[in-house]
Protein backbone atom coordinates (compact mmCIF):
# COMPACT_ATOMS: atom_id res chain seq x y z
CA UNK A 1 0.88 8.24 24.98
CA UNK A 2 -0.97 10.28 22.94
CA UNK A 3 -4.24 8.62 20.93
CA UNK A 4 -4.36 9.28 17.58
CA UNK A 5 -6.83 7.89 14.57
CA UNK A 6 -4.43 5.19 12.96
CA UNK A 7 -4.55 5.75 9.38
CA UNK A 8 -1.85 3.04 7.77
CA UNK A 9 -1.01 0.11 10.10
CA UNK A 10 2.13 -0.91 11.03
CA UNK A 11 4.62 0.14 13.96
CA UNK A 12 7.51 3.05 13.31
CA UNK A 13 9.99 3.55 16.10
CA UNK A 14 12.74 6.05 15.19
CA UNK A 15 13.55 9.53 14.94
CA UNK A 16 11.37 12.51 14.31
CA UNK A 17 11.90 14.68 11.40
CA UNK A 18 9.74 17.37 11.07
CA UNK A 19 8.69 18.59 7.81
CA UNK A 20 8.67 22.99 7.89
CA UNK A 21 5.39 25.15 7.48
CA UNK A 22 5.29 26.62 4.14
CA UNK A 23 6.44 30.27 4.60
CA UNK A 24 6.49 33.32 1.89
CA UNK A 25 8.06 36.53 1.23
CA UNK A 26 5.58 38.28 -0.46
CA UNK A 27 5.82 41.79 -2.70
CA UNK A 28 4.07 44.82 -0.57
CA UNK A 29 4.07 47.30 -3.25
CA UNK A 30 0.65 47.71 -5.48
CA UNK A 31 0.71 46.58 -9.35
CA UNK A 32 0.36 49.01 -11.96
CA UNK A 33 -2.43 48.81 -14.80
CA UNK A 34 -0.11 48.58 -17.21
CA UNK A 35 2.15 45.78 -15.55
CA UNK A 36 -1.39 43.46 -15.67
CA UNK A 37 -0.83 41.50 -18.44
CA UNK A 38 2.40 40.87 -17.57
CA UNK A 39 1.06 39.17 -14.00
CA UNK A 40 -1.58 37.46 -15.59
CA UNK A 41 1.32 35.85 -17.94
CA UNK A 42 3.52 34.91 -14.79
CA UNK A 43 0.16 32.83 -13.69
CA UNK A 44 -0.40 30.88 -16.71
CA UNK A 45 3.64 30.48 -16.98
CA UNK A 46 3.44 28.98 -13.32
CA UNK A 47 -0.11 26.75 -14.37
CA UNK A 48 2.05 25.51 -17.29
CA UNK A 49 5.12 24.50 -15.13
CA UNK A 50 2.96 23.22 -12.08
CA UNK A 51 1.20 21.05 -14.50
CA UNK A 52 4.27 19.68 -15.85
CA UNK A 53 5.83 18.47 -12.98
CA UNK A 54 2.31 16.80 -11.63
CA UNK A 55 2.13 14.59 -14.65
CA UNK A 56 5.74 14.01 -14.14
CA UNK A 57 4.88 12.88 -10.25
CA UNK A 58 1.64 10.44 -11.35
CA UNK A 59 4.21 9.01 -14.30
CA UNK A 60 6.73 8.38 -10.97
CA UNK A 61 4.30 6.92 -8.79
CA UNK A 62 2.74 4.97 -11.16
CA UNK A 63 4.43 2.02 -11.35
CA UNK A 64 4.87 2.64 -7.53
CA UNK A 65 1.27 2.57 -6.11
CA UNK A 66 -0.40 1.52 -9.34
CA UNK A 67 -2.45 3.83 -11.44
CA UNK A 68 -5.95 4.12 -9.26
CA UNK A 69 -3.87 5.95 -6.79
CA UNK A 70 -2.57 8.58 -8.77
CA UNK A 71 -5.70 9.41 -10.06
CA UNK A 72 -5.29 11.75 -7.29
CA UNK A 73 -3.42 13.85 -9.36
CA UNK A 74 -6.20 14.12 -11.93
CA UNK A 75 -8.24 16.39 -9.06
CA UNK A 76 -4.63 18.82 -8.88
CA UNK A 77 -4.69 19.20 -12.34
CA UNK A 78 -8.05 19.68 -12.08
CA UNK A 79 -8.05 22.97 -10.08
CA UNK A 80 -5.04 23.76 -12.31
CA UNK A 81 -7.91 24.40 -15.02
CA UNK A 82 -10.74 25.58 -13.00
CA UNK A 83 -11.92 28.86 -14.40
CA UNK A 84 -12.87 29.55 -10.84
CA UNK A 85 -10.13 29.77 -9.75
CA UNK A 86 -8.12 31.70 -12.65
CA UNK A 87 -10.91 34.28 -12.18
CA UNK A 88 -10.08 34.62 -8.69
CA UNK A 89 -6.49 35.14 -8.77
CA UNK A 90 -7.04 37.56 -12.21
CA UNK A 91 -10.05 39.48 -10.05
CA UNK A 92 -7.80 40.15 -7.56
CA UNK A 93 -5.38 41.29 -9.51
CA UNK A 94 -7.30 43.50 -11.51
CA UNK A 95 -9.27 44.94 -8.16
CA UNK A 96 -6.68 45.10 -5.83
CA UNK A 97 -3.68 45.88 -7.59
CA UNK A 98 -2.01 43.48 -6.39
CA UNK A 99 1.36 40.98 -7.58
CA UNK A 100 0.96 37.58 -8.95
CA UNK A 101 1.46 35.71 -6.26
CA UNK A 102 -0.30 38.02 -3.50
CA UNK A 103 -3.11 37.45 -5.74
CA UNK A 104 -2.57 33.42 -5.69
CA UNK A 105 -1.92 33.33 -2.27
CA UNK A 106 -5.38 35.32 -1.71
CA UNK A 107 -7.63 32.58 -3.29
CA UNK A 108 -6.44 29.88 -2.11
CA UNK A 109 -6.80 31.78 1.67
CA UNK A 110 -10.32 32.49 -0.14
CA UNK A 111 -11.04 28.67 -1.34
CA UNK A 112 -9.54 26.80 1.94
CA UNK A 113 -11.63 29.28 3.99
CA UNK A 114 -14.66 28.07 2.38
CA UNK A 115 -14.48 24.51 2.34
CA UNK A 116 -13.04 24.37 6.17
CA UNK A 117 -16.30 25.78 7.01
CA UNK A 118 -18.52 22.83 5.61
CA UNK A 119 -19.66 20.46 8.01
CA UNK A 120 -18.03 17.25 5.69
CA UNK A 121 -15.25 15.46 5.92
CA UNK A 122 -14.53 14.76 2.55
CA UNK A 123 -15.05 18.87 1.30
CA UNK A 124 -12.38 19.79 4.59
CA UNK A 125 -10.02 17.35 2.70
CA UNK A 126 -10.26 19.09 -0.47
CA UNK A 127 -9.30 21.72 1.01
CA UNK A 128 -6.18 20.32 1.68
CA UNK A 129 -5.68 19.72 -2.60
CA UNK A 130 -6.36 23.67 -3.34
CA UNK A 131 -3.73 24.43 -0.60
CA UNK A 132 -1.42 21.81 -2.27
CA UNK A 133 -1.63 22.89 -5.83
CA UNK A 134 -1.66 26.56 -4.50
CA UNK A 135 1.51 26.00 -2.84
CA UNK A 136 3.19 24.56 -5.72
CA UNK A 137 1.70 27.45 -8.11
CA UNK A 138 3.65 29.86 -5.32
CA UNK A 139 6.86 28.17 -5.53
CA UNK A 140 7.03 28.90 -9.26
CA UNK A 141 5.67 32.54 -8.64
CA UNK A 142 8.66 33.13 -6.17
CA UNK A 143 10.99 30.75 -7.25
CA UNK A 144 11.44 29.44 -3.35
CA UNK A 145 13.55 26.16 -3.62
CA UNK A 146 11.48 22.81 -2.46
CA UNK A 147 10.92 21.72 0.54
CA UNK A 148 13.55 18.25 0.64
CA UNK A 149 13.66 15.25 3.32
CA UNK A 150 17.12 14.20 4.70
CA UNK A 151 18.58 11.38 2.47
CA UNK A 152 21.72 11.12 3.62
CA UNK A 153 20.24 10.00 7.26
CA UNK A 154 18.86 7.26 9.47
CA UNK A 155 15.73 6.76 8.47
CA UNK A 156 13.20 8.68 10.59
CA UNK A 157 9.49 9.49 11.11
CA UNK A 158 8.24 12.25 9.27
CA UNK A 159 5.86 15.00 11.13
CA UNK A 160 3.95 17.38 9.27
CA UNK A 161 1.16 19.63 10.41
CA UNK A 162 -0.72 18.08 6.46
CA UNK A 163 1.02 16.40 4.46
CA UNK A 164 -0.01 16.69 0.59
CA UNK A 165 -0.10 13.75 -1.60
CA UNK A 166 2.85 15.54 -3.97
CA UNK A 167 4.76 15.44 -0.57
CA UNK A 168 4.09 12.22 -0.39
CA UNK A 169 4.68 11.44 -3.40
CA UNK A 170 8.51 12.00 -3.02
CA UNK A 171 8.84 10.35 0.06
CA UNK A 172 11.10 6.78 -0.35
CA UNK A 173 9.49 4.15 2.02
CA UNK A 174 12.99 3.08 3.13
CA UNK A 175 13.80 6.30 4.86
CA UNK A 176 10.67 7.24 6.09
CA UNK A 177 9.93 4.91 9.02
CA UNK A 178 6.11 5.94 9.37
CA UNK A 179 4.43 9.53 9.39
CA UNK A 180 2.20 11.28 12.09
CA UNK A 181 0.18 14.32 10.91
CA UNK A 182 -1.05 16.85 13.53
CA UNK A 183 -4.59 17.09 11.25
CA UNK A 184 -6.01 14.71 8.74
CA UNK A 185 -8.75 12.01 8.51
CA UNK A 186 -8.16 8.39 7.58
CA UNK A 187 -10.32 8.73 4.26
CA UNK A 188 -7.83 11.83 3.21
CA UNK A 189 -5.67 11.14 0.03
CA UNK A 190 -2.69 10.99 2.47
CA UNK A 191 -4.17 8.43 4.25
CA UNK A 192 -4.67 5.97 1.12
CA UNK A 193 -1.43 6.70 -0.62
CA UNK A 194 0.64 6.00 2.84
CA UNK A 195 -1.47 2.92 3.12
CA UNK A 196 -0.31 1.82 -0.71
CA UNK A 197 3.03 2.19 0.30
CA UNK A 198 2.64 0.67 3.11
CA UNK A 199 3.62 3.34 5.82
CA UNK A 200 2.57 3.55 8.86
CA UNK A 201 0.56 6.64 9.78
CA UNK A 202 -0.95 8.29 12.49
CA UNK A 203 -3.12 11.54 11.92
CA UNK A 204 -5.40 14.44 14.00
CA UNK A 205 -2.63 14.66 17.18
CA UNK A 206 -2.21 18.09 17.07
CA UNK A 207 -5.04 19.05 20.12
CA UNK A 208 -3.45 16.21 21.63
CA UNK A 209 -0.19 17.76 22.06
CA UNK A 210 1.07 20.01 25.05
CA UNK A 211 4.54 20.80 22.85
CA UNK A 212 5.34 20.76 19.79
CA UNK A 213 7.09 17.66 18.55
CA UNK A 214 10.57 18.53 17.94
CA UNK A 215 13.15 16.99 15.27
CA UNK A 216 15.34 14.76 16.84
CA UNK A 217 13.33 13.17 19.42
CA UNK A 218 12.57 9.61 19.53
CA UNK A 219 9.21 8.44 19.07
CA UNK A 220 7.11 4.96 18.24
CA UNK A 221 3.57 5.21 16.44
CA UNK A 222 0.71 2.46 16.27
CA UNK A 223 -0.87 3.29 12.99
CA UNK A 224 -3.09 0.50 13.83
CA UNK A 225 -4.48 1.28 16.91
CA UNK A 226 -3.47 5.23 15.95
CA UNK A 227 -1.29 5.56 19.01
CA UNK A 228 1.85 8.04 19.32
CA UNK A 229 4.17 8.09 21.92
CA UNK A 230 6.29 10.84 22.78
CA UNK A 231 10.30 10.39 23.92
CA UNK A 232 9.42 6.17 25.41
CA UNK A 233 11.41 4.98 27.84
CA UNK A 234 13.47 1.98 27.15
CA UNK A 235 10.80 -0.93 28.69
CA UNK A 236 8.11 1.16 25.83
CA UNK A 237 10.60 1.20 23.56
CA UNK A 238 11.26 -2.96 24.04
CA UNK A 239 7.76 -4.14 23.90
CA UNK A 240 7.34 -2.11 20.70
CA UNK A 241 10.52 -3.46 19.05
CA UNK A 242 9.24 -7.08 20.00
CA UNK A 243 5.79 -6.37 18.80
CA UNK A 244 7.05 -5.53 15.93
CA UNK A 245 9.31 -8.35 14.95
CA UNK A 246 6.29 -10.51 16.13
CA UNK A 247 4.44 -9.04 13.27
CA UNK A 248 6.60 -9.17 10.83
CA UNK A 249 7.27 -13.44 12.77
CA UNK A 250 2.91 -13.50 12.45
CA UNK A 251 2.92 -12.16 8.21
CA UNK A 252 5.34 -15.00 7.90
CA UNK A 253 3.18 -17.91 9.73
CA UNK A 254 0.00 -16.55 8.25
CA UNK A 255 1.28 -16.63 4.54
CA UNK A 256 2.05 -20.52 5.13
CA UNK A 257 -2.28 -20.75 5.58
CA UNK A 258 -3.20 -18.31 2.81
CA UNK A 259 -4.46 -21.23 0.49
CA UNK A 260 -6.02 -23.08 2.52
CA UNK A 261 -9.80 -23.65 3.00
CA UNK A 262 -11.25 -21.17 5.37
CA UNK A 263 -13.03 -24.04 7.06
CA UNK A 264 -13.71 -24.98 10.71
CA UNK A 265 -12.79 -28.41 12.53
CA UNK A 266 -15.93 -29.48 12.74
CA UNK A 267 -16.47 -28.64 8.83
CA UNK A 268 -18.38 -24.82 7.93
CA UNK A 269 -16.97 -23.29 5.38
CA UNK A 270 -17.42 -19.70 5.66
CA UNK A 271 -15.93 -17.56 2.20
CA UNK A 272 -13.33 -15.17 3.67
CA UNK A 273 -12.98 -12.31 0.95
CA UNK A 274 -11.98 -8.87 0.40
CA UNK A 275 -13.38 -5.33 0.65
CA UNK A 276 -11.46 -3.48 -1.83
CA UNK A 277 -11.28 -0.13 -4.14
CA UNK A 278 -8.73 -0.64 -6.89
CA UNK A 279 -6.92 -3.21 -8.89
CA UNK A 280 -3.95 -2.67 -7.00
CA UNK A 281 -5.77 -3.71 -3.42
CA UNK A 282 -6.84 -6.58 -5.38
CA UNK A 283 -3.31 -7.72 -5.95
CA UNK A 284 -2.79 -6.96 -1.95
CA UNK A 285 -5.71 -9.01 -1.21
CA UNK A 286 -5.21 -11.95 -3.20
CA UNK A 287 -1.44 -12.38 -1.64
CA UNK A 288 -3.27 -12.28 1.84
CA UNK A 289 -5.44 -15.50 0.63
CA UNK A 290 -8.78 -13.79 -0.11
CA UNK A 291 -11.79 -15.88 -1.81
CA UNK A 292 -13.14 -13.75 -4.29
CA UNK A 293 -13.95 -9.61 -3.75
CA UNK A 294 -17.00 -8.62 -1.40
CA UNK A 295 -17.39 -5.64 -2.09
CA UNK A 296 -15.66 -3.64 -4.69
CA UNK A 297 -16.49 0.29 -4.00
CA UNK A 298 -16.92 1.76 -7.06
CA UNK A 299 -17.77 5.21 -5.95
CA UNK A 300 -13.21 5.69 -6.09
CA UNK A 301 -13.60 5.04 -10.33
CA UNK A 302 -15.72 7.84 -9.73
CA UNK A 303 -13.91 10.40 -7.05
CA UNK A 304 -10.47 12.52 -8.20
CA UNK A 305 -11.74 13.32 -11.67
CA UNK A 306 -13.48 16.31 -13.29
CA UNK A 307 -16.55 14.17 -15.06
CA UNK A 308 -17.97 11.15 -14.68
CA UNK A 309 -16.53 7.81 -15.89
CA UNK A 310 -17.64 6.51 -19.30
CA UNK A 311 -18.77 2.95 -19.79
CA UNK A 312 -16.05 1.69 -21.14
CA UNK A 313 -13.74 3.52 -18.80
CA UNK A 314 -15.82 1.25 -16.23
CA UNK A 315 -15.96 -2.00 -18.11
CA UNK A 316 -12.15 -2.34 -18.14
CA UNK A 317 -11.78 -2.01 -15.06
CA UNK A 318 -14.83 -4.24 -13.81
CA UNK A 319 -13.28 -6.67 -16.10
CA UNK A 320 -9.46 -6.71 -15.53
CA UNK A 321 -11.12 -7.11 -11.81
CA UNK A 322 -12.62 -10.19 -13.05
CA UNK A 323 -10.03 -11.98 -14.89
CA UNK A 324 -7.76 -11.19 -12.70
CA UNK A 325 -10.15 -13.12 -9.88
CA UNK A 326 -9.75 -16.03 -12.63
CA UNK A 327 -13.68 -17.53 -11.91
CA UNK A 328 -13.94 -16.31 -7.76
CA UNK A 329 -16.81 -13.97 -7.23
CA UNK A 330 -16.89 -10.75 -7.77
CA UNK A 331 -19.62 -8.50 -5.94
CA UNK A 332 -19.72 -5.12 -7.65
CA UNK A 333 -21.71 -1.99 -5.55
CA UNK A 334 -23.11 0.69 -7.39
CA UNK A 335 -22.21 3.93 -6.91
CA UNK A 336 -22.42 4.95 -3.20
CA UNK A 337 -22.16 8.60 -2.91
CA UNK A 338 -23.04 11.46 -1.10
CA UNK A 339 -23.07 11.69 3.05
CA UNK A 340 -19.27 11.54 3.53
CA UNK A 341 -18.55 10.86 0.13
CA UNK A 342 -18.49 13.76 -2.31
CA UNK A 343 -18.09 14.55 -6.29
CA UNK A 344 -16.44 17.51 -7.25
CA UNK A 345 -18.38 17.91 -10.43
CA UNK A 346 -21.29 16.67 -9.03
CA UNK A 347 -23.61 19.24 -7.50
CA UNK A 348 -25.07 17.34 -4.18
CA UNK A 349 -27.18 20.15 -2.26
CA UNK A 350 -26.14 21.15 0.67
CA UNK A 351 -27.90 19.09 3.94
CA UNK A 352 -28.80 19.14 7.32
CA UNK A 353 -28.33 15.50 7.81
CA UNK A 354 -26.39 13.86 4.61
CA UNK A 355 -26.01 11.00 5.60
CA UNK A 356 -30.25 10.48 5.72
CA UNK A 357 -30.16 12.26 2.46
CA UNK A 358 -29.48 12.65 -1.25
CA UNK A 359 -27.68 9.39 -1.51
CA UNK A 360 -26.51 6.30 -2.65
CA UNK A 361 -29.31 4.22 -4.74
CA UNK A 362 -31.61 7.28 -4.24
CA UNK A 363 -28.90 9.18 -6.22
CA UNK A 364 -28.76 6.19 -9.12
CA UNK A 365 -32.80 5.80 -9.27
CA UNK A 366 -32.96 10.12 -9.16
CA UNK A 367 -30.07 9.58 -11.79
CA UNK A 368 -30.75 6.73 -14.36
CA UNK A 369 -28.95 7.47 -17.25
CA UNK A 370 -25.82 7.29 -14.62
CA UNK A 371 -27.25 4.41 -13.29
CA UNK A 372 -27.64 2.73 -16.54
CA UNK A 373 -24.33 3.68 -17.71
CA UNK A 374 -22.73 1.92 -14.73
CA UNK A 375 -25.07 -1.33 -14.63
CA UNK A 376 -24.06 -2.05 -18.64
CA UNK A 377 -20.41 -1.90 -17.82
CA UNK A 378 -21.22 -4.25 -15.14
CA UNK A 379 -22.75 -6.25 -17.28
CA UNK A 380 -20.58 -6.78 -20.03
CA UNK A 381 -17.81 -7.48 -17.34
CA UNK A 382 -20.18 -10.74 -15.76
CA UNK A 383 -18.81 -12.11 -18.82
CA UNK A 384 -15.77 -12.67 -18.18
CA UNK A 385 -16.12 -14.27 -14.55
CA UNK A 386 -18.37 -14.46 -11.71
CA UNK A 387 -19.56 -11.05 -11.17
CA UNK A 388 -22.81 -10.11 -9.14
CA UNK A 389 -23.73 -6.75 -8.44
CA UNK A 390 -25.50 -5.27 -5.33
CA UNK A 391 -27.38 -1.89 -4.47
CA UNK A 392 -26.38 0.21 -1.35
CA UNK A 393 -28.89 1.48 1.38
CA UNK A 394 -31.85 0.02 -0.04
CA UNK A 395 -34.85 0.35 2.28
CA UNK A 396 -38.33 -0.68 0.45
CA UNK A 397 -39.29 -3.28 -2.05
CA UNK A 398 -39.98 -0.46 -4.07
CA UNK A 399 -36.48 0.36 -4.74
CA UNK A 400 -34.96 -2.72 -5.77
CA UNK A 401 -37.34 -3.14 -8.26
CA UNK A 402 -37.00 0.06 -9.86
CA UNK A 403 -33.72 -0.71 -9.68
CA UNK A 404 -33.91 -3.55 -11.47
CA UNK A 405 -36.39 -2.31 -13.61
CA UNK A 406 -32.93 -0.33 -15.16
CA UNK A 407 -31.04 -3.39 -14.89
CA UNK A 408 -33.72 -4.86 -17.28
CA UNK A 409 -33.09 -2.08 -19.57
CA UNK A 410 -29.73 -2.20 -19.98
CA UNK A 411 -29.94 -6.09 -20.54
CA UNK A 412 -32.24 -5.58 -23.70
CA UNK A 413 -30.02 -3.11 -24.76
CA UNK A 414 -26.93 -5.02 -25.15
CA UNK A 415 -28.87 -7.98 -26.13
CA UNK A 416 -29.45 -5.92 -29.06
CA UNK A 417 -26.05 -4.21 -29.69
CA UNK A 418 -25.02 -8.07 -29.70
CA UNK A 419 -22.75 -7.40 -26.28
CA UNK A 420 -22.27 -10.70 -24.23
CA UNK A 421 -23.21 -10.46 -20.70
CA UNK A 422 -24.81 -13.19 -18.46
CA UNK A 423 -28.25 -12.57 -18.31
CA UNK A 424 -28.78 -14.79 -15.00
CA UNK A 425 -26.25 -11.95 -13.17
CA UNK A 426 -27.21 -12.69 -9.28
CA UNK A 427 -28.29 -9.28 -7.48
CA UNK A 428 -28.08 -8.14 -4.01
CA UNK A 429 -28.73 -5.82 -1.60
CA UNK A 430 -26.77 -3.93 1.13
CA UNK A 431 -28.87 -4.48 4.99
CA UNK A 432 -27.60 -1.51 5.95
CA UNK A 433 -30.42 0.09 7.80
CA UNK A 434 -33.40 -1.01 10.49
CA UNK A 435 -35.86 -0.65 7.87
CA UNK A 436 -34.38 -3.18 5.65
CA UNK A 437 -33.71 -5.82 8.62
CA UNK A 438 -37.40 -5.09 9.67
CA UNK A 439 -38.00 -5.93 5.64
CA UNK A 440 -35.67 -8.49 5.53
CA UNK A 441 -38.46 -11.50 5.02
CA UNK A 442 -39.78 -9.57 2.49
CA UNK A 443 -36.94 -8.14 0.31
CA UNK A 444 -35.17 -11.62 0.24
CA UNK A 445 -38.38 -12.50 -1.85
CA UNK A 446 -36.61 -10.10 -4.48
CA UNK A 447 -32.89 -11.11 -4.74
CA UNK A 448 -30.64 -14.02 -4.64
CA UNK A 449 -28.50 -12.37 -1.90
CA UNK A 450 -28.01 -10.10 0.82
CA UNK A 451 -24.58 -7.95 1.99
CA UNK A 452 -24.33 -6.90 5.50
CA UNK A 453 -22.77 -3.14 6.27
CA UNK A 454 -22.61 -3.58 9.17
CA UNK A 455 -20.82 0.28 9.29
CA UNK A 456 -24.22 1.95 8.71
CA UNK A 457 -26.42 -0.25 10.24
CA UNK A 458 -24.83 0.49 13.75
CA UNK A 459 -24.89 4.01 12.82
CA UNK A 460 -28.77 4.10 11.84
CA UNK A 461 -29.44 1.38 14.34
CA UNK A 462 -27.97 3.06 17.46
CA UNK A 463 -28.46 7.02 16.24
CA UNK A 464 -24.62 7.50 16.35
CA UNK A 465 -22.68 9.70 14.20
CA UNK A 466 -19.20 7.65 14.69
CA UNK A 467 -17.48 10.78 13.15
CA UNK A 468 -18.36 13.16 15.97
CA UNK A 469 -16.25 13.10 18.56
CA UNK A 470 -18.33 13.71 21.65
CA UNK A 471 -20.61 10.61 20.98
CA UNK A 472 -18.33 8.24 19.49
CA UNK A 473 -17.83 6.36 22.33
CA UNK A 474 -22.05 5.42 21.91
CA UNK A 475 -20.79 3.31 18.80
CA UNK A 476 -20.60 0.04 19.69
CA UNK A 477 -20.84 -2.66 16.98
CA UNK A 478 -21.93 -5.24 19.86
CA UNK A 479 -25.14 -3.76 20.99
CA UNK A 480 -27.13 -6.30 22.10
CA UNK A 481 -29.97 -4.03 19.35
CA UNK A 482 -27.06 -4.40 16.90
CA UNK A 483 -26.92 -8.52 17.29
CA UNK A 484 -30.15 -8.79 17.25
CA UNK A 485 -30.49 -7.14 13.81
CA UNK A 486 -27.94 -9.38 12.18
CA UNK A 487 -29.61 -12.31 13.89
CA UNK A 488 -33.39 -11.35 12.18
CA UNK A 489 -31.78 -10.92 8.92
CA UNK A 490 -29.26 -13.81 8.57
CA UNK A 491 -32.45 -15.64 9.69
CA UNK A 492 -34.91 -13.90 7.16
CA UNK A 493 -32.15 -14.82 4.26
CA UNK A 494 -31.39 -18.78 4.99
CA UNK A 495 -36.10 -19.19 5.64
CA UNK A 496 -36.02 -17.86 1.75
CA UNK A 497 -32.98 -19.77 0.40
CA UNK A 498 -30.31 -16.74 -0.53
CA UNK A 499 -27.02 -16.29 0.24
CA UNK A 500 -25.33 -14.06 3.24
CA UNK A 501 -22.36 -12.11 3.78
CA UNK A 502 -21.10 -9.18 5.91
CA UNK A 503 -18.76 -6.63 4.69
CA UNK A 504 -18.83 -4.16 7.20
CA UNK A 505 -15.84 -3.21 9.44
CA UNK A 506 -17.43 -5.95 11.88
CA UNK A 507 -16.58 -8.83 9.67
CA UNK A 508 -12.51 -8.44 10.37
CA UNK A 509 -13.04 -8.46 14.04
CA UNK A 510 -11.68 -11.53 15.36
CA UNK A 511 -14.15 -11.19 18.55
CA UNK A 512 -17.33 -11.29 16.45
CA UNK A 513 -16.33 -14.66 14.07
CA UNK A 514 -18.45 -16.88 16.49
CA UNK A 515 -21.73 -14.71 15.68
CA UNK A 516 -20.92 -15.76 11.91
CA UNK A 517 -20.50 -19.24 12.63
CA UNK A 518 -23.30 -19.51 14.64
CA UNK A 519 -25.45 -17.39 12.70
CA UNK A 520 -24.52 -19.75 9.80
CA UNK A 521 -23.65 -16.68 7.23
CA UNK A 522 -22.09 -18.13 4.13
CA UNK A 523 -19.06 -14.81 3.60
CA UNK A 524 -17.60 -12.41 5.52
CA UNK A 525 -15.47 -9.79 3.26
CA UNK A 526 -13.03 -7.19 4.94
CA UNK A 527 -9.69 -5.26 4.40
CA UNK A 528 -7.38 -7.56 2.73
CA UNK A 529 -5.17 -7.32 6.35
CA UNK A 530 -7.18 -9.04 8.37
CA UNK A 531 -7.68 -11.81 6.46
CA UNK A 532 -4.99 -13.76 8.08
CA UNK A 533 -5.65 -13.02 11.04
CA UNK A 534 -9.93 -14.09 10.51
CA UNK A 535 -8.78 -17.63 9.00
CA UNK A 536 -6.41 -18.53 11.80
CA UNK A 537 -8.96 -18.05 14.44
CA UNK A 538 -11.25 -19.69 12.22
CA UNK A 539 -9.01 -22.95 11.50
CA UNK A 540 -9.73 -23.49 14.99
CA UNK A 541 -12.75 -22.30 15.81
CA UNK A 542 -16.37 -25.02 15.83
CA UNK A 543 -19.30 -24.06 14.33
CA UNK A 544 -21.31 -26.36 16.93
CA UNK A 545 -18.94 -24.50 20.37
CA UNK A 546 -20.17 -21.28 19.12
CA UNK A 547 -24.05 -22.08 17.93
CA UNK A 548 -24.11 -23.53 22.32
CA UNK A 549 -22.65 -19.41 22.82
CA UNK A 550 -24.90 -18.09 20.42
CA UNK A 551 -28.31 -18.03 23.02
CA UNK A 552 -26.45 -16.72 25.61
CA UNK A 553 -24.77 -13.55 24.20
CA UNK A 554 -28.92 -12.90 23.13
CA UNK A 555 -30.20 -13.24 26.42
CA UNK A 556 -26.86 -10.18 27.55
CA UNK A 557 -28.70 -7.07 28.08
CA UNK A 558 -25.31 -4.65 27.94
CA UNK A 559 -22.80 -4.24 25.33
CA UNK A 560 -19.95 -5.16 28.33
CA UNK A 561 -21.88 -8.45 29.22
CA UNK A 562 -21.94 -9.92 25.12
CA UNK A 563 -17.95 -8.58 25.26
CA UNK A 564 -17.41 -9.87 28.40
CA UNK A 565 -19.20 -13.56 26.70
CA UNK A 566 -17.19 -13.21 23.68
CA UNK A 567 -13.65 -12.79 25.64
CA UNK A 568 -13.91 -15.90 27.16
CA UNK A 569 -15.31 -18.13 24.52
CA UNK A 570 -12.22 -16.61 22.40
CA UNK A 571 -10.16 -17.82 25.64
CA UNK A 572 -11.53 -21.05 25.93
CA UNK A 573 -10.69 -21.68 22.08
CA UNK A 574 -6.52 -20.39 22.70
CA UNK A 575 -6.52 -22.73 25.33
CA UNK A 576 -8.08 -25.50 23.14
CA UNK A 577 -5.32 -24.78 20.40
CA UNK A 578 -2.38 -24.15 23.03
CA UNK A 579 -3.37 -27.72 24.21
CA UNK A 580 -3.83 -29.33 20.63
CA UNK A 581 -0.32 -27.99 19.59
CA UNK A 582 2.04 -29.18 22.95
């Protein structure tokens, strides 16, 4: 068994097919000065052909994974149009008298090395985009054939060192049972596309492999847990086959409760909403029984393009989501970039501690022109549904007031221009830094709702970078300090009569459900695939019993104690459910 990173949920069992690495033969002889113009023209022609291919891929994929996911290829087109990339290639040809394909290869290697050296996961992933584009260009310059996947064999599990969006675009989900990449992360473009295609994906296994995987090996992958099994025995195959069948049965069974109200046996209604990044994800969320969107991550509208989205572009997206929700609430989080989320066209200065630096609301308040453009789009969409606006990474009352001032200016402008909008739009903030928790009673007097972002709150409370493998074991959402932070936040919201929800990963963790019920939160928002499982548990979990559990949890001195108490509680709920079913 090898522990990787689960990047797209699901189980796959089958034979492996190892995707060959790109291997080129390059001319060694220097180019004569008189032939420079011909080499430049070869590069231009290769770029034109590559762009045409990428546009075709976009058109073919749009119907399969949706328009939002195909924006990945806009980044590839932007690289081919980038004068810096072209100047580097031309410079190598002129300075070193090298052929076009050699110059392209060296330019790719230069930029990939530069990006790989950066201590930034997002920028490392952009290195893969450059490699992908460069390989496409090299293929045309060298006249090399495409590496194709087997199409006349049994479905297989695809193995690759890295898998580019271009390669993934040609995958038929009927032939590919699952994917394993030696490198990569759960936030890469390939991971986003794999989730959209519904293909299980495990990434980041290279350091754990003692020997390379060979084509034809039998594998099991668990994209939820991030597990890879090499040459499993029959009992393990039987176990995972049964688990696979059970998951399929669970999906069918859970679909029955998709339209049932999310209420406990003793009458506590807990809103179950979805976290989304695109219209495609909204369709999945609605089919999973989500009642509204508790977090619309708008930064994905800004990524994989070469400029900031205009007001009209944003308005159309927000409006479409609001209309599809048909009156259900839509919480739109304003731009949350910085940290691990960068924009190719927006230069954020290099920082020693980017997660504590120039990001989220700090960028918005610094670039009020960009902020107001987004707020105007959100306000205009508010006349098409129950739209709310939410500010990320708030740490002071001053930030809330400054953000609301820009919102008021946007309202005045729209009123003068005659655009309809909800003048009483609800405004909320993310509670994700300890300062916001300590000021929760004051902040609650400034806004209409809180949404607790547990991912950052845990990270900042415990001073643990969860992406750092050396200390990731210290990232503990059920730490006693985190529990106290949650309790203090919810109680401050309740005292001041405002709604409070949770939208981090912990919201969809079944173990945490009695915590939300005992604290009496109003809504939990999660990934779509978690909604029905949480609803099933909610329908048989009493709020009264959960409230009796809370004092016991607050007395716990260690995370292990909290885990034990929660497990005992869940076991008792399961026993009661089994007894009532019989």
